[in-house]
Amino acid sequence: MLEHLGASNFKAWRSLPSVRMGRLTAFFGTNSSGKSAILHLLLMLKQTVESADRTKVLNLGDERSLVSLGTFSEVLFDHDRARSLSVELLWKLP
């Protein structure tokens, strides 16, 4: 089970502090505060893992994917290609 999620330079998040995840996790906040970006990150990681194309480091999606995020520049914070995208996952096996 996924226990913690963190990221930097992903969409609205310059730095997403480690978010504690539970069996049921809900995100609350004002409009345009980055709630859907967290869900996009999780869906992007899922479709990357499930992708048959092992040459792609990240599967940003297309019209047939769980989520279509556009280009790599479009998922970076401030669309700045000088930034690096990082993701932190912590999970426990049952």
PDB file of N, CA and C in Angstrom:
ATOM      1  N   MET A   1       0.837  -1.176   0.000  1.00  0.00           N
ATOM      2  CA  MET A   1       0.000   0.000   0.000  1.00  0.00           C
ATOM      3  C   MET A   1       0.889   1.249   0.000  1.00  0.00           C
ATOM      4  N   LEU A   2       0.534   2.201  -0.824  1.00  0.00           N
ATOM      5  CA  LEU A   2       1.260   3.464  -0.891  1.00  0.00           C
ATOM      6  C   LEU A   2       1.050   4.221   0.410  1.00  0.00           C
ATOM      7  N   GLU A   3       2.146   4.595   1.072  1.00  0.00           N
ATOM      8  CA  GLU A   3       2.045   5.284   2.356  1.00  0.00           C
ATOM      9  C   GLU A   3       2.386   6.766   2.259  1.00  0.00           C
ATOM     10  N   HIS A   4       3.359   7.119   1.424  1.00  0.00           N
ATOM     11  CA  HIS A   4       3.760   8.515   1.284  1.00  0.00           C
ATOM     12  C   HIS A   4       4.042   8.816  -0.181  1.00  0.00           C
ATOM     13  N   LEU A   5       3.742  10.045  -0.566  1.00  0.00           N
ATOM     14  CA  LEU A   5       3.994  10.517  -1.922  1.00  0.00           C
ATOM     15  C   LEU A   5       4.584  11.914  -1.829  1.00  0.00           C
ATOM     16  N   GLY A   6       5.661  12.147  -2.539  1.00  0.00           N
ATOM     17  CA  GLY A   6       6.258  13.471  -2.603  1.00  0.00           C
ATOM     18  C   GLY A   6       6.727  13.736  -4.017  1.00  0.00           C
ATOM     19  N   ALA A   7       6.884  14.995  -4.381  1.00  0.00           N
ATOM     20  CA  ALA A   7       7.338  15.343  -5.723  1.00  0.00           C
ATOM     21  C   ALA A   7       7.883  16.765  -5.712  1.00  0.00           C
ATOM     22  N   SER A   8       8.685  17.040  -6.704  1.00  0.00           N
ATOM     23  CA  SER A   8       9.115  18.428  -6.897  1.00  0.00           C
ATOM     24  C   SER A   8       9.079  18.743  -8.390  1.00  0.00           C
ATOM     25  N   ASN A   9       8.704  19.982  -8.671  1.00  0.00           N
ATOM     26  CA  ASN A   9       8.635  20.522 -10.031  1.00  0.00           C
ATOM     27  C   ASN A   9       7.639  19.796 -10.922  1.00  0.00           C
ATOM     28  N   PHE A  10       6.519  19.380 -10.345  1.00  0.00           N
ATOM     29  CA  PHE A  10       5.466  18.748 -11.134  1.00  0.00           C
ATOM     30  C   PHE A  10       4.248  19.654 -11.162  1.00  0.00           C
ATOM     31  N   LYS A  11       3.919  20.133 -12.352  1.00  0.00           N
ATOM     32  CA  LYS A  11       2.752  20.973 -12.591  1.00  0.00           C
ATOM     33  C   LYS A  11       2.696  22.135 -11.601  1.00  0.00           C
ATOM     34  N   ALA A  12       1.688  22.202 -10.743  1.00  0.00           N
ATOM     35  CA  ALA A  12       1.516  23.327  -9.827  1.00  0.00           C
ATOM     36  C   ALA A  12       2.454  23.276  -8.626  1.00  0.00           C
ATOM     37  N   TRP A  13       3.145  22.159  -8.459  1.00  0.00           N
ATOM     38  CA  TRP A  13       3.948  21.954  -7.255  1.00  0.00           C
ATOM     39  C   TRP A  13       5.434  22.163  -7.509  1.00  0.00           C
ATOM     40  N   ARG A  14       5.975  23.237  -6.985  1.00  0.00           N
ATOM     41  CA  ARG A  14       7.438  23.394  -7.001  1.00  0.00           C
ATOM     42  C   ARG A  14       8.030  22.357  -6.054  1.00  0.00           C
ATOM     43  N   SER A  15       7.373  22.227  -4.901  1.00  0.00           N
ATOM     44  CA  SER A  15       7.784  21.205  -3.950  1.00  0.00           C
ATOM     45  C   SER A  15       6.528  20.681  -3.255  1.00  0.00           C
ATOM     46  N   LEU A  16       6.224  19.441  -3.490  1.00  0.00           N
ATOM     47  CA  LEU A  16       5.105  18.788  -2.811  1.00  0.00           C
ATOM     48  C   LEU A  16       5.696  18.044  -1.630  1.00  0.00           C
ATOM     49  N   PRO A  17       5.435  18.533  -0.422  1.00  0.00           N
ATOM     50  CA  PRO A  17       5.984  17.823   0.743  1.00  0.00           C
ATOM     51  C   PRO A  17       5.397  16.421   0.808  1.00  0.00           C
ATOM     52  N   SER A  18       6.050  15.563   1.497  1.00  0.00           N
ATOM     53  CA  SER A  18       5.599  14.182   1.592  1.00  0.00           C
ATOM     54  C   SER A  18       4.170  14.140   2.123  1.00  0.00           C
ATOM     55  N   VAL A  19       3.279  13.588   1.315  1.00  0.00           N
ATOM     56  CA  VAL A  19       1.865  13.472   1.665  1.00  0.00           C
ATOM     57  C   VAL A  19       1.634  12.074   2.218  1.00  0.00           C
ATOM     58  N   ARG A  20       1.091  11.996   3.417  1.00  0.00           N
ATOM     59  CA  ARG A  20       0.782  10.695   4.006  1.00  0.00           C
ATOM     60  C   ARG A  20      -0.497  10.168   3.363  1.00  0.00           C
ATOM     61  N   MET A  21      -0.425   8.956   2.849  1.00  0.00           N
ATOM     62  CA  MET A  21      -1.570   8.335   2.196  1.00  0.00           C
ATOM     63  C   MET A  21      -2.105   7.232   3.097  1.00  0.00           C
ATOM     64  N   GLY A  22      -3.411   7.063   3.081  1.00  0.00           N
ATOM     65  CA  GLY A  22      -4.047   6.014   3.866  1.00  0.00           C
ATOM     66  C   GLY A  22      -4.903   5.132   2.973  1.00  0.00           C
ATOM     67  N   ARG A  23      -5.649   4.263   3.589  1.00  0.00           N
ATOM     68  CA  ARG A  23      -6.553   3.406   2.806  1.00  0.00           C
ATOM     69  C   ARG A  23      -7.567   4.244   2.053  1.00  0.00           C
ATOM     70  N   LEU A  24      -7.955   5.343   2.663  1.00  0.00           N
ATOM     71  CA  LEU A  24      -8.843   6.299   2.020  1.00  0.00           C
ATOM     72  C   LEU A  24      -8.222   7.668   2.211  1.00  0.00           C
ATOM     73  N   THR A  25      -7.850   8.315   1.115  1.00  0.00           N
ATOM     74  CA  THR A  25      -7.223   9.623   1.172  1.00  0.00           C
ATOM     75  C   THR A  25      -8.050  10.589   0.348  1.00  0.00           C
ATOM     76  N   ALA A  26      -8.357  11.745   0.916  1.00  0.00           N
ATOM     77  CA  ALA A  26      -9.107  12.784   0.214  1.00  0.00           C
ATOM     78  C   ALA A  26      -8.267  14.053   0.194  1.00  0.00           C
ATOM     79  N   PHE A  27      -8.372  14.806  -0.886  1.00  0.00           N
ATOM     80  CA  PHE A  27      -7.653  16.055  -1.026  1.00  0.00           C
ATOM     81  C   PHE A  27      -8.652  17.201  -1.022  1.00  0.00           C
ATOM     82  N   PHE A  28      -8.407  18.177  -0.164  1.00  0.00           N
ATOM     83  CA  PHE A  28      -9.264  19.344  -0.057  1.00  0.00           C
ATOM     84  C   PHE A  28      -8.425  20.592  -0.256  1.00  0.00           C
ATOM     85  N   GLY A  29      -9.007  21.604  -0.853  1.00  0.00           N
ATOM     86  CA  GLY A  29      -8.304  22.865  -1.030  1.00  0.00           C
ATOM     87  C   GLY A  29      -9.055  23.764  -1.983  1.00  0.00           C
ATOM     88  N   THR A  30      -8.552  24.963  -2.132  1.00  0.00           N
ATOM     89  CA  THR A  30      -9.183  25.934  -3.011  1.00  0.00           C
ATOM     90  C   THR A  30      -8.961  25.543  -4.469  1.00  0.00           C
ATOM     91  N   ASN A  31      -9.727  26.142  -5.340  1.00  0.00           N
ATOM     92  CA  ASN A  31      -9.557  25.909  -6.777  1.00  0.00           C
ATOM     93  C   ASN A  31      -8.140  26.294  -7.195  1.00  0.00           C
ATOM     94  N   SER A  32      -7.585  25.525  -8.117  1.00  0.00           N
ATOM     95  CA  SER A  32      -6.235  25.754  -8.657  1.00  0.00           C
ATOM     96  C   SER A  32      -5.137  25.669  -7.605  1.00  0.00           C
ATOM     97  N   SER A  33      -5.345  24.848  -6.584  1.00  0.00           N
ATOM     98  CA  SER A  33      -4.315  24.696  -5.551  1.00  0.00           C
ATOM     99  C   SER A  33      -3.436  23.475  -5.776  1.00  0.00           C
ATOM    100  N   GLY A  34      -3.730  22.664  -6.812  1.00  0.00           N
ATOM    101  CA  GLY A  34      -2.868  21.534  -7.143  1.00  0.00           C
ATOM    102  C   GLY A  34      -3.402  20.174  -6.747  1.00  0.00           C
ATOM    103  N   LYS A  35      -4.659  20.092  -6.338  1.00  0.00           N
ATOM    104  CA  LYS A  35      -5.236  18.797  -5.940  1.00  0.00           C
ATOM    105  C   LYS A  35      -5.220  17.807  -7.106  1.00  0.00           C
ATOM    106  N   SER A  36      -5.673  18.237  -8.261  1.00  0.00           N
ATOM    107  CA  SER A  36      -5.723  17.316  -9.404  1.00  0.00           C
ATOM    108  C   SER A  36      -4.322  16.959  -9.894  1.00  0.00           C
ATOM    109  N   ALA A  37      -3.342  17.811  -9.653  1.00  0.00           N
ATOM    110  CA  ALA A  37      -1.965  17.500 -10.050  1.00  0.00           C
ATOM    111  C   ALA A  37      -1.463  16.262  -9.311  1.00  0.00           C
ATOM    112  N   ILE A  38      -1.865  16.100  -8.062  1.00  0.00           N
ATOM    113  CA  ILE A  38      -1.473  14.915  -7.297  1.00  0.00           C
ATOM    114  C   ILE A  38      -2.065  13.663  -7.944  1.00  0.00           C
ATOM    115  N   LEU A  39      -3.313  13.748  -8.335  1.00  0.00           N
ATOM    116  CA  LEU A  39      -3.956  12.607  -8.996  1.00  0.00           C
ATOM    117  C   LEU A  39      -3.332  12.352 -10.369  1.00  0.00           C
ATOM    118  N   HIS A  40      -3.007  13.410 -11.103  1.00  0.00           N
ATOM    119  CA  HIS A  40      -2.337  13.253 -12.402  1.00  0.00           C
ATOM    120  C   HIS A  40      -0.995  12.557 -12.239  1.00  0.00           C
ATOM    121  N   LEU A  41      -0.261  12.909 -11.188  1.00  0.00           N
ATOM    122  CA  LEU A  41       1.033  12.280 -10.931  1.00  0.00           C
ATOM    123  C   LEU A  41       0.864  10.775 -10.713  1.00  0.00           C
ATOM    124  N   LEU A  42      -0.103  10.404  -9.898  1.00  0.00           N
ATOM    125  CA  LEU A  42      -0.338   8.986  -9.639  1.00  0.00           C
ATOM    126  C   LEU A  42      -0.760   8.241 -10.898  1.00  0.00           C
ATOM    127  N   LEU A  43      -1.644   8.842 -11.691  1.00  0.00           N
ATOM    128  CA  LEU A  43      -2.079   8.200 -12.936  1.00  0.00           C
ATOM    129  C   LEU A  43      -0.938   8.097 -13.941  1.00  0.00           C
ATOM    130  N   MET A  44      -0.086   9.133 -14.010  1.00  0.00           N
ATOM    131  CA  MET A  44       1.062   9.090 -14.911  1.00  0.00           C
ATOM    132  C   MET A  44       2.009   7.953 -14.520  1.00  0.00           C
ATOM    133  N   LEU A  45       2.249   7.798 -13.222  1.00  0.00           N
ATOM    134  CA  LEU A  45       3.124   6.721 -12.767  1.00  0.00           C
ATOM    135  C   LEU A  45       2.512   5.356 -13.084  1.00  0.00           C
ATOM    136  N   LYS A  46       1.210   5.214 -12.891  1.00  0.00           N
ATOM    137  CA  LYS A  46       0.530   3.945 -13.198  1.00  0.00           C
ATOM    138  C   LYS A  46       0.646   3.604 -14.677  1.00  0.00           C
ATOM    139  N   GLN A  47       0.367   4.577 -15.553  1.00  0.00           N
ATOM    140  CA  GLN A  47       0.425   4.262 -16.979  1.00  0.00           C
ATOM    141  C   GLN A  47       1.864   4.072 -17.455  1.00  0.00           C
ATOM    142  N   THR A  48       2.831   4.667 -16.773  1.00  0.00           N
ATOM    143  CA  THR A  48       4.232   4.426 -17.113  1.00  0.00           C
ATOM    144  C   THR A  48       4.620   2.994 -16.786  1.00  0.00           C
ATOM    145  N   VAL A  49       4.231   2.529 -15.611  1.00  0.00           N
ATOM    146  CA  VAL A  49       4.542   1.163 -15.193  1.00  0.00           C
ATOM    147  C   VAL A  49       3.876   0.148 -16.112  1.00  0.00           C
ATOM    148  N   GLU A  50       2.646   0.441 -16.537  1.00  0.00           N
ATOM    149  CA  GLU A  50       1.884  -0.502 -17.357  1.00  0.00           C
ATOM    150  C   GLU A  50       2.192  -0.396 -18.845  1.00  0.00           C
ATOM    151  N   SER A  51       3.013   0.571 -19.237  1.00  0.00           N
ATOM    152  CA  SER A  51       3.319   0.789 -20.648  1.00  0.00           C
ATOM    153  C   SER A  51       4.197  -0.332 -21.206  1.00  0.00           C
ATOM    154  N   ALA A  52       3.899  -0.755 -22.411  1.00  0.00           N
ATOM    155  CA  ALA A  52       4.719  -1.771 -23.086  1.00  0.00           C
ATOM    156  C   ALA A  52       5.988  -1.151 -23.674  1.00  0.00           C
ATOM    157  N   ASP A  53       6.003   0.167 -23.854  1.00  0.00           N
ATOM    158  CA  ASP A  53       7.146   0.862 -24.443  1.00  0.00           C
ATOM    159  C   ASP A  53       8.172   1.169 -23.355  1.00  0.00           C
ATOM    160  N   ARG A  54       9.189   0.327 -23.245  1.00  0.00           N
ATOM    161  CA  ARG A  54      10.212   0.472 -22.208  1.00  0.00           C
ATOM    162  C   ARG A  54      11.258   1.544 -22.557  1.00  0.00           C
ATOM    163  N   THR A  55      11.131   2.180 -23.721  1.00  0.00           N
ATOM    164  CA  THR A  55      12.067   3.253 -24.064  1.00  0.00           C
ATOM    165  C   THR A  55      11.640   4.582 -23.446  1.00  0.00           C
ATOM    166  N   LYS A  56      10.390   4.683 -22.982  1.00  0.00           N
ATOM    167  CA  LYS A  56       9.887   5.911 -22.360  1.00  0.00           C
ATOM    168  C   LYS A  56      10.185   5.892 -20.870  1.00  0.00           C
ATOM    169  N   VAL A  57      10.822   6.947 -20.393  1.00  0.00           N
ATOM    170  CA  VAL A  57      11.061   7.068 -18.961  1.00  0.00           C
ATOM    171  C   VAL A  57       9.750   7.379 -18.257  1.00  0.00           C
ATOM    172  N   LEU A  58       8.957   8.266 -18.861  1.00  0.00           N
ATOM    173  CA  LEU A  58       7.624   8.597 -18.353  1.00  0.00           C
ATOM    174  C   LEU A  58       6.626   8.504 -19.487  1.00  0.00           C
ATOM    175  N   ASN A  59       5.486   7.906 -19.213  1.00  0.00           N
ATOM    176  CA  ASN A  59       4.421   7.865 -20.197  1.00  0.00           C
ATOM    177  C   ASN A  59       3.461   9.005 -19.867  1.00  0.00           C
ATOM    178  N   LEU A  60       3.577  10.106 -20.593  1.00  0.00           N
ATOM    179  CA  LEU A  60       2.746  11.278 -20.345  1.00  0.00           C
ATOM    180  C   LEU A  60       1.357  11.137 -20.940  1.00  0.00           C
ATOM    181  N   GLY A  61       1.135  10.071 -21.681  1.00  0.00           N
ATOM    182  CA  GLY A  61      -0.202   9.744 -22.151  1.00  0.00           C
ATOM    183  C   GLY A  61      -0.556  10.275 -23.513  1.00  0.00           C
ATOM    184  N   ASP A  62      -1.709   9.810 -23.978  1.00  0.00           N
ATOM    185  CA  ASP A  62      -2.315  10.245 -25.230  1.00  0.00           C
ATOM    186  C   ASP A  62      -3.823  10.124 -25.060  1.00  0.00           C
ATOM    187  N   GLU A  63      -4.565  10.187 -26.150  1.00  0.00           N
ATOM    188  CA  GLU A  63      -6.028  10.163 -26.049  1.00  0.00           C
ATOM    189  C   GLU A  63      -6.580   8.834 -25.526  1.00  0.00           C
ATOM    190  N   ARG A  64      -5.777   7.761 -25.530  1.00  0.00           N
ATOM    191  CA  ARG A  64      -6.239   6.459 -25.046  1.00  0.00           C
ATOM    192  C   ARG A  64      -5.763   6.159 -23.622  1.00  0.00           C
ATOM    193  N   SER A  65      -5.051   7.068 -23.011  1.00  0.00           N
ATOM    194  CA  SER A  65      -4.443   6.832 -21.697  1.00  0.00           C
ATOM    195  C   SER A  65      -5.350   7.258 -20.555  1.00  0.00           C
ATOM    196  N   LEU A  66      -4.954   6.872 -19.356  1.00  0.00           N
ATOM    197  CA  LEU A  66      -5.669   7.299 -18.158  1.00  0.00           C
ATOM    198  C   LEU A  66      -5.657   8.817 -18.032  1.00  0.00           C
ATOM    199  N   VAL A  67      -4.514   9.406 -18.359  1.00  0.00           N
ATOM    200  CA  VAL A  67      -4.349  10.853 -18.311  1.00  0.00           C
ATOM    201  C   VAL A  67      -3.403  11.257 -19.437  1.00  0.00           C
ATOM    202  N   SER A  68      -3.694  12.370 -20.074  1.00  0.00           N
ATOM    203  CA  SER A  68      -2.835  12.900 -21.128  1.00  0.00           C
ATOM    204  C   SER A  68      -2.302  14.248 -20.663  1.00  0.00           C
ATOM    205  N   LEU A  69      -0.993  14.316 -20.397  1.00  0.00           N
ATOM    206  CA  LEU A  69      -0.408  15.495 -19.783  1.00  0.00           C
ATOM    207  C   LEU A  69       0.347  16.383 -20.762  1.00  0.00           C
ATOM    208  N   GLY A  70       0.389  16.017 -22.027  1.00  0.00           N
ATOM    209  CA  GLY A  70       1.078  16.846 -23.013  1.00  0.00           C
ATOM    210  C   GLY A  70       2.547  16.528 -23.090  1.00  0.00           C
ATOM    211  N   THR A  71       3.370  17.573 -23.171  1.00  0.00           N
ATOM    212  CA  THR A  71       4.812  17.402 -23.301  1.00  0.00           C
ATOM    213  C   THR A  71       5.485  17.457 -21.931  1.00  0.00           C
ATOM    214  N   PHE A  72       6.753  17.066 -21.903  1.00  0.00           N
ATOM    215  CA  PHE A  72       7.505  17.116 -20.647  1.00  0.00           C
ATOM    216  C   PHE A  72       7.569  18.543 -20.115  1.00  0.00           C
ATOM    217  N   SER A  73       7.768  19.519 -20.991  1.00  0.00           N
ATOM    218  CA  SER A  73       7.800  20.926 -20.561  1.00  0.00           C
ATOM    219  C   SER A  73       6.497  21.332 -19.891  1.00  0.00           C
ATOM    220  N   GLU A  74       5.391  20.795 -20.381  1.00  0.00           N
ATOM    221  CA  GLU A  74       4.086  21.156 -19.823  1.00  0.00           C
ATOM    222  C   GLU A  74       3.847  20.593 -18.426  1.00  0.00           C
ATOM    223  N   VAL A  75       4.535  19.524 -18.052  1.00  0.00           N
ATOM    224  CA  VAL A  75       4.350  18.980 -16.701  1.00  0.00           C
ATOM    225  C   VAL A  75       5.332  19.573 -15.698  1.00  0.00           C
ATOM    226  N   LEU A  76       6.345  20.284 -16.172  1.00  0.00           N
ATOM    227  CA  LEU A  76       7.306  20.897 -15.258  1.00  0.00           C
ATOM    228  C   LEU A  76       6.753  22.178 -14.655  1.00  0.00           C
ATOM    229  N   PHE A  77       7.074  22.420 -13.402  1.00  0.00           N
ATOM    230  CA  PHE A  77       6.692  23.649 -12.726  1.00  0.00           C
ATOM    231  C   PHE A  77       7.228  24.845 -13.513  1.00  0.00           C
ATOM    232  N   ASP A  78       6.370  25.798 -13.794  1.00  0.00           N
ATOM    233  CA  ASP A  78       6.693  26.993 -14.596  1.00  0.00           C
ATOM    234  C   ASP A  78       7.168  26.653 -16.007  1.00  0.00           C
ATOM    235  N   HIS A  79       6.952  25.418 -16.465  1.00  0.00           N
ATOM    236  CA  HIS A  79       7.358  24.961 -17.808  1.00  0.00           C
ATOM    237  C   HIS A  79       8.849  25.206 -18.060  1.00  0.00           C
ATOM    238  N   ASP A  80       9.630  25.122 -17.004  1.00  0.00           N
ATOM    239  CA  ASP A  80      11.062  25.432 -17.056  1.00  0.00           C
ATOM    240  C   ASP A  80      11.861  24.139 -17.227  1.00  0.00           C
ATOM    241  N   ARG A  81      12.404  23.917 -18.432  1.00  0.00           N
ATOM    242  CA  ARG A  81      13.154  22.687 -18.725  1.00  0.00           C
ATOM    243  C   ARG A  81      14.482  22.607 -17.986  1.00  0.00           C
ATOM    244  N   ALA A  82      14.891  23.685 -17.345  1.00  0.00           N
ATOM    245  CA  ALA A  82      16.111  23.640 -16.538  1.00  0.00           C
ATOM    246  C   ALA A  82      15.848  22.937 -15.197  1.00  0.00           C
ATOM    247  N   ARG A  83      14.585  22.792 -14.836  1.00  0.00           N
ATOM    248  CA  ARG A  83      14.226  22.118 -13.586  1.00  0.00           C
ATOM    249  C   ARG A  83      14.234  20.605 -13.795  1.00  0.00           C
ATOM    250  N   SER A  84      14.432  19.885 -12.723  1.00  0.00           N
ATOM    251  CA  SER A  84      14.339  18.425 -12.808  1.00  0.00           C
ATOM    252  C   SER A  84      13.105  17.969 -12.046  1.00  0.00           C
ATOM    253  N   LEU A  85      12.459  16.977 -12.589  1.00  0.00           N
ATOM    254  CA  LEU A  85      11.263  16.401 -11.983  1.00  0.00           C
ATOM    255  C   LEU A  85      11.702  15.265 -11.077  1.00  0.00           C
ATOM    256  N   SER A  86      11.208  15.270  -9.854  1.00  0.00           N
ATOM    257  CA  SER A  86      11.513  14.144  -8.967  1.00  0.00           C
ATOM    258  C   SER A  86      10.239  13.685  -8.271  1.00  0.00           C
ATOM    259  N   VAL A  87      10.204  12.394  -7.996  1.00  0.00           N
ATOM    260  CA  VAL A  87       9.054  11.772  -7.352  1.00  0.00           C
ATOM    261  C   VAL A  87       9.576  10.882  -6.243  1.00  0.00           C
ATOM    262  N   GLU A  88       8.888  10.930  -5.107  1.00  0.00           N
ATOM    263  CA  GLU A  88       9.268  10.107  -3.951  1.00  0.00           C
ATOM    264  C   GLU A  88       8.066   9.250  -3.570  1.00  0.00           C
ATOM    265  N   LEU A  89       8.275   7.946  -3.531  1.00  0.00           N
ATOM    266  CA  LEU A  89       7.216   7.007  -3.148  1.00  0.00           C
ATOM    267  C   LEU A  89       7.711   6.143  -1.989  1.00  0.00           C
ATOM    268  N   LEU A  90       6.817   5.888  -1.063  1.00  0.00           N
ATOM    269  CA  LEU A  90       7.114   4.964   0.024  1.00  0.00           C
ATOM    270  C   LEU A  90       5.893   4.066   0.180  1.00  0.00           C
ATOM    271  N   TRP A  91       6.102   2.781   0.135  1.00  0.00           N
ATOM    272  CA  TRP A  91       4.971   1.854   0.285  1.00  0.00           C
ATOM    273  C   TRP A  91       5.392   0.664   1.117  1.00  0.00           C
ATOM    274  N   LYS A  92       4.375   0.007   1.640  1.00  0.00           N
ATOM    275  CA  LYS A  92       4.564  -1.222   2.416  1.00  0.00           C
ATOM    276  C   LYS A  92       3.899  -2.354   1.680  1.00  0.00           C
ATOM    277  N   LEU A  93       4.575  -3.465   1.627  1.00  0.00           N
ATOM    278  CA  LEU A  93       3.965  -4.655   1.044  1.00  0.00           C
ATOM    279  C   LEU A  93       3.081  -5.308   2.101  1.00  0.00           C
ATOM    280  N   PRO A  94       1.975  -5.882   1.666  1.00  0.00           N
ATOM    281  CA  PRO A  94       1.045  -6.489   2.653  1.00  0.00           C
ATOM    282  C   PRO A  94       1.645  -7.694   3.344  1.00  0.00           C
TER     283      PRO A  94
END
